[in-house]
Amino acid sequence: QVQLVESGGGLVQAGGSLRLSCAASGRTFGRYAMGWFRRAPGKEREFVAAMRPIIWGGASISDADVVKGRFTISRDNAKNTVYLQMNRLKPGDTAVYYCAADSSFGTSYKDYSYWGQGTQVTVSS
């Protein structure tokens, strides 16, 4: 079992930055793939970025259309935490952002078994 708690969301003006954090419980953090997804009002949940488990090398992948070089995923294994650094935010980035974890790796929300409660990000124009 993994419990995930997101933080760092809020209201920001277009062009600004936010860093989301996701703290994971448990001693096997390095064995989990960690992902970020988001759901905008009236839209389906979409993949943002993910990292493979550390035991698989820990490489990251992101959705080019969503991120477009603006977002970066990283993880601090000593703190059992994964981050999503978001720069040059746009109103279209407004959504609830979710952290997810699973022992396997994927870019679909169906690939992840554990989810945080979500954190709201609102970007004003």
N, C-alpha and C. Protein backbone atom coordinates (compact mmCIF):
# COMPACT_ATOMS: atom_id res chain seq x y z
N GLN A 1 0.83 -1.19 0.00
CA GLN A 1 0.00 0.00 0.00
C GLN A 1 0.87 1.25 0.00
N VAL A 2 0.46 2.21 -0.77
CA VAL A 2 1.15 3.50 -0.85
C VAL A 2 0.11 4.59 -0.65
N GLN A 3 0.41 5.51 0.20
CA GLN A 3 -0.45 6.69 0.37
C GLN A 3 0.28 7.90 -0.17
N LEU A 4 -0.47 8.70 -0.91
CA LEU A 4 0.11 9.86 -1.59
C LEU A 4 -0.62 11.12 -1.15
N VAL A 5 0.16 12.16 -0.87
CA VAL A 5 -0.42 13.43 -0.46
C VAL A 5 0.22 14.54 -1.29
N GLU A 6 -0.62 15.22 -2.10
CA GLU A 6 -0.11 16.31 -2.93
C GLU A 6 -0.20 17.63 -2.18
N SER A 7 0.65 18.56 -2.59
CA SER A 7 0.59 19.92 -2.08
C SER A 7 1.23 20.84 -3.11
N GLY A 8 1.04 22.13 -2.90
CA GLY A 8 1.69 23.11 -3.75
C GLY A 8 0.81 23.78 -4.78
N GLY A 9 -0.43 23.34 -4.89
CA GLY A 9 -1.33 24.00 -5.83
C GLY A 9 -1.72 25.38 -5.35
N GLY A 10 -2.43 26.10 -6.23
CA GLY A 10 -2.88 27.43 -5.85
C GLY A 10 -3.25 28.25 -7.06
N LEU A 11 -3.38 29.54 -6.83
CA LEU A 11 -3.74 30.49 -7.88
C LEU A 11 -2.50 31.24 -8.31
N VAL A 12 -2.27 31.29 -9.60
CA VAL A 12 -1.10 31.98 -10.13
C VAL A 12 -1.48 32.69 -11.42
N GLN A 13 -0.81 33.76 -11.72
CA GLN A 13 -1.06 34.47 -12.96
C GLN A 13 -0.36 33.77 -14.12
N ALA A 14 -0.90 33.96 -15.29
CA ALA A 14 -0.28 33.40 -16.50
C ALA A 14 1.17 33.84 -16.58
N GLY A 15 2.03 32.89 -16.95
CA GLY A 15 3.45 33.17 -17.01
C GLY A 15 4.20 32.83 -15.73
N GLY A 16 3.45 32.58 -14.66
CA GLY A 16 4.07 32.27 -13.38
C GLY A 16 4.46 30.81 -13.25
N SER A 17 4.93 30.45 -12.06
CA SER A 17 5.41 29.08 -11.80
C SER A 17 4.82 28.54 -10.51
N LEU A 18 4.71 27.25 -10.47
CA LEU A 18 4.33 26.53 -9.26
C LEU A 18 5.13 25.23 -9.21
N ARG A 19 5.39 24.76 -8.01
CA ARG A 19 5.98 23.44 -7.85
C ARG A 19 5.05 22.59 -7.01
N LEU A 20 4.58 21.52 -7.59
CA LEU A 20 3.74 20.58 -6.88
C LEU A 20 4.61 19.51 -6.23
N SER A 21 4.20 19.09 -5.05
CA SER A 21 4.90 18.02 -4.34
C SER A 21 3.94 16.88 -4.08
N CYS A 22 4.49 15.69 -4.05
CA CYS A 22 3.70 14.50 -3.72
C CYS A 22 4.53 13.65 -2.77
N ALA A 23 4.09 13.58 -1.53
CA ALA A 23 4.80 12.80 -0.53
C ALA A 23 4.18 11.40 -0.46
N ALA A 24 5.03 10.40 -0.52
CA ALA A 24 4.57 9.01 -0.51
C ALA A 24 4.96 8.32 0.79
N SER A 25 4.07 7.49 1.28
CA SER A 25 4.36 6.71 2.48
C SER A 25 5.08 5.44 2.08
N GLY A 26 5.63 4.75 3.06
CA GLY A 26 6.22 3.45 2.78
C GLY A 26 7.71 3.49 2.57
N ARG A 27 8.32 2.31 2.62
CA ARG A 27 9.77 2.19 2.54
C ARG A 27 10.24 1.76 1.16
N THR A 28 9.31 1.54 0.26
CA THR A 28 9.68 1.01 -1.06
C THR A 28 9.45 2.03 -2.16
N PHE A 29 9.65 3.28 -1.84
CA PHE A 29 9.39 4.36 -2.79
C PHE A 29 10.13 4.14 -4.10
N GLY A 30 11.37 3.67 -4.02
CA GLY A 30 12.18 3.49 -5.22
C GLY A 30 11.66 2.42 -6.16
N ARG A 31 10.75 1.57 -5.69
CA ARG A 31 10.22 0.51 -6.53
C ARG A 31 9.00 0.94 -7.33
N TYR A 32 8.55 2.17 -7.11
CA TYR A 32 7.32 2.63 -7.75
C TYR A 32 7.59 3.62 -8.86
N ALA A 33 6.85 3.46 -9.95
CA ALA A 33 6.75 4.51 -10.94
C ALA A 33 5.86 5.60 -10.36
N MET A 34 6.23 6.85 -10.60
CA MET A 34 5.45 7.97 -10.09
C MET A 34 4.99 8.82 -11.26
N GLY A 35 3.73 9.18 -11.23
CA GLY A 35 3.19 9.95 -12.34
C GLY A 35 2.38 11.13 -11.89
N TRP A 36 2.24 12.08 -12.79
CA TRP A 36 1.35 13.23 -12.60
C TRP A 36 0.32 13.23 -13.73
N PHE A 37 -0.92 13.42 -13.33
CA PHE A 37 -2.04 13.55 -14.26
C PHE A 37 -2.80 14.81 -13.89
N ARG A 38 -3.65 15.23 -14.80
CA ARG A 38 -4.49 16.38 -14.47
C ARG A 38 -5.86 16.21 -15.11
N ARG A 39 -6.83 16.86 -14.49
CA ARG A 39 -8.20 16.85 -15.03
C ARG A 39 -8.75 18.26 -14.98
N ALA A 40 -8.99 18.79 -16.15
CA ALA A 40 -9.59 20.12 -16.27
C ALA A 40 -11.11 19.97 -16.25
N PRO A 41 -11.82 21.02 -15.89
CA PRO A 41 -13.29 20.94 -15.85
C PRO A 41 -13.87 20.50 -17.19
N GLY A 42 -14.71 19.47 -17.14
CA GLY A 42 -15.37 19.00 -18.35
C GLY A 42 -14.50 18.17 -19.27
N LYS A 43 -13.29 17.85 -18.82
CA LYS A 43 -12.37 17.08 -19.66
C LYS A 43 -11.96 15.79 -18.99
N GLU A 44 -11.41 14.89 -19.79
CA GLU A 44 -10.91 13.64 -19.26
C GLU A 44 -9.58 13.86 -18.54
N ARG A 45 -9.27 12.95 -17.66
CA ARG A 45 -7.97 12.98 -16.99
C ARG A 45 -6.88 12.74 -18.04
N GLU A 46 -5.83 13.53 -18.00
CA GLU A 46 -4.78 13.37 -18.99
C GLU A 46 -3.41 13.25 -18.34
N PHE A 47 -2.56 12.52 -19.01
CA PHE A 47 -1.21 12.29 -18.55
C PHE A 47 -0.38 13.56 -18.70
N VAL A 48 0.44 13.83 -17.68
CA VAL A 48 1.35 14.97 -17.74
C VAL A 48 2.80 14.48 -17.82
N ALA A 49 3.23 13.72 -16.83
CA ALA A 49 4.62 13.25 -16.80
C ALA A 49 4.73 12.09 -15.81
N ALA A 50 5.78 11.30 -15.96
CA ALA A 50 5.99 10.16 -15.06
C ALA A 50 7.47 9.81 -15.02
N MET A 51 7.82 9.09 -13.97
CA MET A 51 9.18 8.60 -13.83
C MET A 51 9.15 7.11 -13.56
N ARG A 52 10.04 6.39 -14.20
CA ARG A 52 10.13 4.96 -13.96
C ARG A 52 10.67 4.70 -12.55
N PRO A 53 10.42 3.53 -12.01
CA PRO A 53 10.98 3.22 -10.69
C PRO A 53 12.50 3.37 -10.70
N ILE A 54 13.04 3.72 -9.58
CA ILE A 54 14.50 3.87 -9.47
C ILE A 54 15.20 2.57 -9.83
N ILE A 55 14.61 1.45 -9.45
CA ILE A 55 15.22 0.16 -9.75
C ILE A 55 15.22 -0.15 -11.24
N TRP A 56 14.44 0.65 -12.01
CA TRP A 56 14.44 0.52 -13.47
C TRP A 56 15.27 1.63 -14.12
N GLY A 57 15.90 2.43 -13.33
CA GLY A 57 16.70 3.51 -13.87
C GLY A 57 16.15 4.90 -13.61
N GLY A 58 14.87 5.00 -13.33
CA GLY A 58 14.30 6.28 -12.94
C GLY A 58 14.13 7.30 -14.04
N ALA A 59 14.18 6.89 -15.30
CA ALA A 59 14.05 7.85 -16.39
C ALA A 59 12.65 8.46 -16.40
N SER A 60 12.57 9.67 -16.89
CA SER A 60 11.29 10.37 -16.93
C SER A 60 10.76 10.46 -18.35
N ILE A 61 9.47 10.66 -18.42
CA ILE A 61 8.81 10.85 -19.70
C ILE A 61 7.68 11.85 -19.47
N SER A 62 7.39 12.65 -20.47
CA SER A 62 6.31 13.62 -20.32
C SER A 62 5.53 13.70 -21.62
N ASP A 63 4.33 14.23 -21.51
CA ASP A 63 3.50 14.41 -22.69
C ASP A 63 3.93 15.71 -23.37
N ALA A 64 4.48 15.59 -24.52
CA ALA A 64 5.04 16.76 -25.20
C ALA A 64 3.97 17.82 -25.46
N ASP A 65 2.78 17.39 -25.82
CA ASP A 65 1.74 18.37 -26.13
C ASP A 65 1.30 19.12 -24.89
N VAL A 66 1.29 18.43 -23.76
CA VAL A 66 0.87 19.06 -22.51
C VAL A 66 1.98 19.94 -21.95
N VAL A 67 3.15 19.38 -21.90
CA VAL A 67 4.26 20.02 -21.21
C VAL A 67 4.95 21.07 -22.06
N LYS A 68 5.27 20.71 -23.29
CA LYS A 68 5.93 21.61 -24.24
C LYS A 68 7.14 22.30 -23.62
N GLY A 69 7.94 21.54 -22.89
CA GLY A 69 9.16 22.07 -22.32
C GLY A 69 8.97 22.95 -21.10
N ARG A 70 7.75 23.03 -20.59
CA ARG A 70 7.50 23.92 -19.45
C ARG A 70 7.51 23.22 -18.11
N PHE A 71 7.20 21.93 -18.10
CA PHE A 71 7.08 21.19 -16.84
C PHE A 71 8.23 20.20 -16.71
N THR A 72 8.66 19.97 -15.48
CA THR A 72 9.72 19.01 -15.21
C THR A 72 9.33 18.15 -14.01
N ILE A 73 9.43 16.84 -14.18
CA ILE A 73 9.17 15.93 -13.07
C ILE A 73 10.50 15.51 -12.47
N SER A 74 10.54 15.39 -11.15
CA SER A 74 11.74 14.94 -10.47
C SER A 74 11.33 14.22 -9.20
N ARG A 75 12.27 13.51 -8.60
CA ARG A 75 11.95 12.82 -7.36
C ARG A 75 13.14 12.89 -6.42
N ASP A 76 12.83 12.94 -5.13
CA ASP A 76 13.84 12.93 -4.07
C ASP A 76 13.58 11.66 -3.26
N ASN A 77 14.41 10.67 -3.47
CA ASN A 77 14.17 9.39 -2.81
C ASN A 77 14.38 9.46 -1.31
N ALA A 78 15.26 10.33 -0.87
CA ALA A 78 15.50 10.48 0.57
C ALA A 78 14.26 11.02 1.28
N LYS A 79 13.44 11.78 0.54
CA LYS A 79 12.24 12.37 1.13
C LYS A 79 10.97 11.65 0.67
N ASN A 80 11.12 10.59 -0.11
CA ASN A 80 9.94 9.89 -0.65
C ASN A 80 8.97 10.86 -1.32
N THR A 81 9.52 11.75 -2.11
CA THR A 81 8.70 12.80 -2.69
C THR A 81 8.99 12.95 -4.18
N VAL A 82 7.94 13.17 -4.94
CA VAL A 82 8.07 13.48 -6.36
C VAL A 82 7.53 14.89 -6.58
N TYR A 83 8.14 15.60 -7.49
CA TYR A 83 7.79 16.99 -7.74
C TYR A 83 7.37 17.19 -9.19
N LEU A 84 6.59 18.22 -9.40
CA LEU A 84 6.28 18.68 -10.75
C LEU A 84 6.51 20.19 -10.76
N GLN A 85 7.60 20.58 -11.38
CA GLN A 85 7.90 22.00 -11.53
C GLN A 85 7.20 22.50 -12.78
N MET A 86 6.36 23.50 -12.62
CA MET A 86 5.58 24.02 -13.74
C MET A 86 5.94 25.48 -13.96
N ASN A 87 6.46 25.78 -15.12
CA ASN A 87 6.86 27.14 -15.48
C ASN A 87 6.03 27.64 -16.63
N ARG A 88 6.01 28.96 -16.79
CA ARG A 88 5.29 29.61 -17.90
C ARG A 88 3.86 29.07 -17.99
N LEU A 89 3.20 29.07 -16.87
CA LEU A 89 1.85 28.53 -16.81
C LEU A 89 0.88 29.35 -17.66
N LYS A 90 -0.11 28.63 -18.18
CA LYS A 90 -1.12 29.24 -19.03
C LYS A 90 -2.50 28.96 -18.44
N PRO A 91 -3.50 29.75 -18.78
CA PRO A 91 -4.86 29.46 -18.28
C PRO A 91 -5.31 28.04 -18.63
N GLY A 92 -4.86 27.52 -19.74
CA GLY A 92 -5.21 26.16 -20.15
C GLY A 92 -4.64 25.08 -19.25
N ASP A 93 -3.72 25.46 -18.36
CA ASP A 93 -3.16 24.50 -17.41
C ASP A 93 -4.03 24.36 -16.16
N THR A 94 -5.06 25.17 -16.07
CA THR A 94 -5.96 25.09 -14.92
C THR A 94 -6.61 23.72 -14.85
N ALA A 95 -6.44 23.07 -13.71
CA ALA A 95 -6.94 21.70 -13.53
C ALA A 95 -6.66 21.25 -12.11
N VAL A 96 -7.24 20.11 -11.76
CA VAL A 96 -6.82 19.42 -10.55
C VAL A 96 -5.69 18.47 -10.95
N TYR A 97 -4.58 18.56 -10.25
CA TYR A 97 -3.41 17.75 -10.56
C TYR A 97 -3.32 16.60 -9.55
N TYR A 98 -3.13 15.41 -10.10
CA TYR A 98 -3.09 14.22 -9.28
C TYR A 98 -1.73 13.53 -9.39
N CYS A 99 -1.27 13.05 -8.26
CA CYS A 99 -0.08 12.22 -8.20
C CYS A 99 -0.53 10.76 -8.18
N ALA A 100 0.24 9.90 -8.84
CA ALA A 100 -0.12 8.49 -8.89
C ALA A 100 1.13 7.63 -8.78
N ALA A 101 0.94 6.41 -8.32
CA ALA A 101 2.06 5.48 -8.16
C ALA A 101 1.64 4.07 -8.52
N ASP A 102 2.60 3.31 -9.03
CA ASP A 102 2.36 1.90 -9.30
C ASP A 102 3.70 1.20 -9.45
N SER A 103 3.69 -0.10 -9.24
CA SER A 103 4.94 -0.86 -9.37
C SER A 103 5.33 -1.05 -10.84
N SER A 104 4.35 -0.87 -11.73
CA SER A 104 4.65 -0.92 -13.15
C SER A 104 4.72 0.51 -13.67
N PHE A 105 4.98 0.68 -14.94
CA PHE A 105 5.12 2.01 -15.50
C PHE A 105 4.21 2.18 -16.70
N GLY A 106 3.62 3.34 -16.83
CA GLY A 106 2.79 3.61 -17.99
C GLY A 106 2.43 5.07 -18.07
N THR A 107 1.72 5.42 -19.13
CA THR A 107 1.29 6.80 -19.32
C THR A 107 -0.22 6.93 -19.33
N SER A 108 -0.92 5.86 -19.03
CA SER A 108 -2.37 5.91 -18.91
C SER A 108 -2.75 5.89 -17.44
N TYR A 109 -3.85 6.56 -17.12
CA TYR A 109 -4.28 6.54 -15.73
C TYR A 109 -4.61 5.11 -15.29
N LYS A 110 -4.94 4.25 -16.25
CA LYS A 110 -5.27 2.85 -15.92
C LYS A 110 -4.04 2.07 -15.46
N ASP A 111 -2.85 2.61 -15.69
CA ASP A 111 -1.62 1.94 -15.30
C ASP A 111 -1.27 2.14 -13.83
N TYR A 112 -2.01 3.00 -13.14
CA TYR A 112 -1.65 3.37 -11.77
C TYR A 112 -2.71 2.94 -10.77
N SER A 113 -2.22 2.34 -9.69
CA SER A 113 -3.13 1.80 -8.67
C SER A 113 -3.38 2.76 -7.51
N TYR A 114 -2.41 3.63 -7.25
CA TYR A 114 -2.49 4.48 -6.08
C TYR A 114 -2.57 5.95 -6.52
N TRP A 115 -3.46 6.68 -5.85
CA TRP A 115 -3.72 8.07 -6.23
C TRP A 115 -3.79 8.96 -5.01
N GLY A 116 -3.32 10.19 -5.19
CA GLY A 116 -3.51 11.20 -4.17
C GLY A 116 -4.88 11.83 -4.31
N GLN A 117 -5.16 12.78 -3.43
CA GLN A 117 -6.47 13.42 -3.42
C GLN A 117 -6.58 14.54 -4.45
N GLY A 118 -5.46 14.97 -4.98
CA GLY A 118 -5.45 16.04 -5.98
C GLY A 118 -5.21 17.40 -5.36
N THR A 119 -4.63 18.26 -6.16
CA THR A 119 -4.41 19.65 -5.73
C THR A 119 -4.80 20.57 -6.88
N GLN A 120 -5.55 21.62 -6.55
CA GLN A 120 -6.08 22.52 -7.56
C GLN A 120 -5.02 23.53 -7.99
N VAL A 121 -4.88 23.65 -9.29
CA VAL A 121 -4.03 24.69 -9.88
C VAL A 121 -4.92 25.57 -10.75
N THR A 122 -4.92 26.85 -10.48
CA THR A 122 -5.72 27.80 -11.23
C THR A 122 -4.80 28.88 -11.78
N VAL A 123 -4.83 29.06 -13.08
CA VAL A 123 -3.99 30.04 -13.74
C VAL A 123 -4.89 31.13 -14.31
N SER A 124 -4.70 32.33 -13.84
CA SER A 124 -5.52 33.45 -14.30
C SER A 124 -4.83 34.17 -15.46
N SER A 125 -5.66 34.75 -16.31
CA SER A 125 -5.11 35.43 -17.48
C SER A 125 -4.84 36.89 -17.18
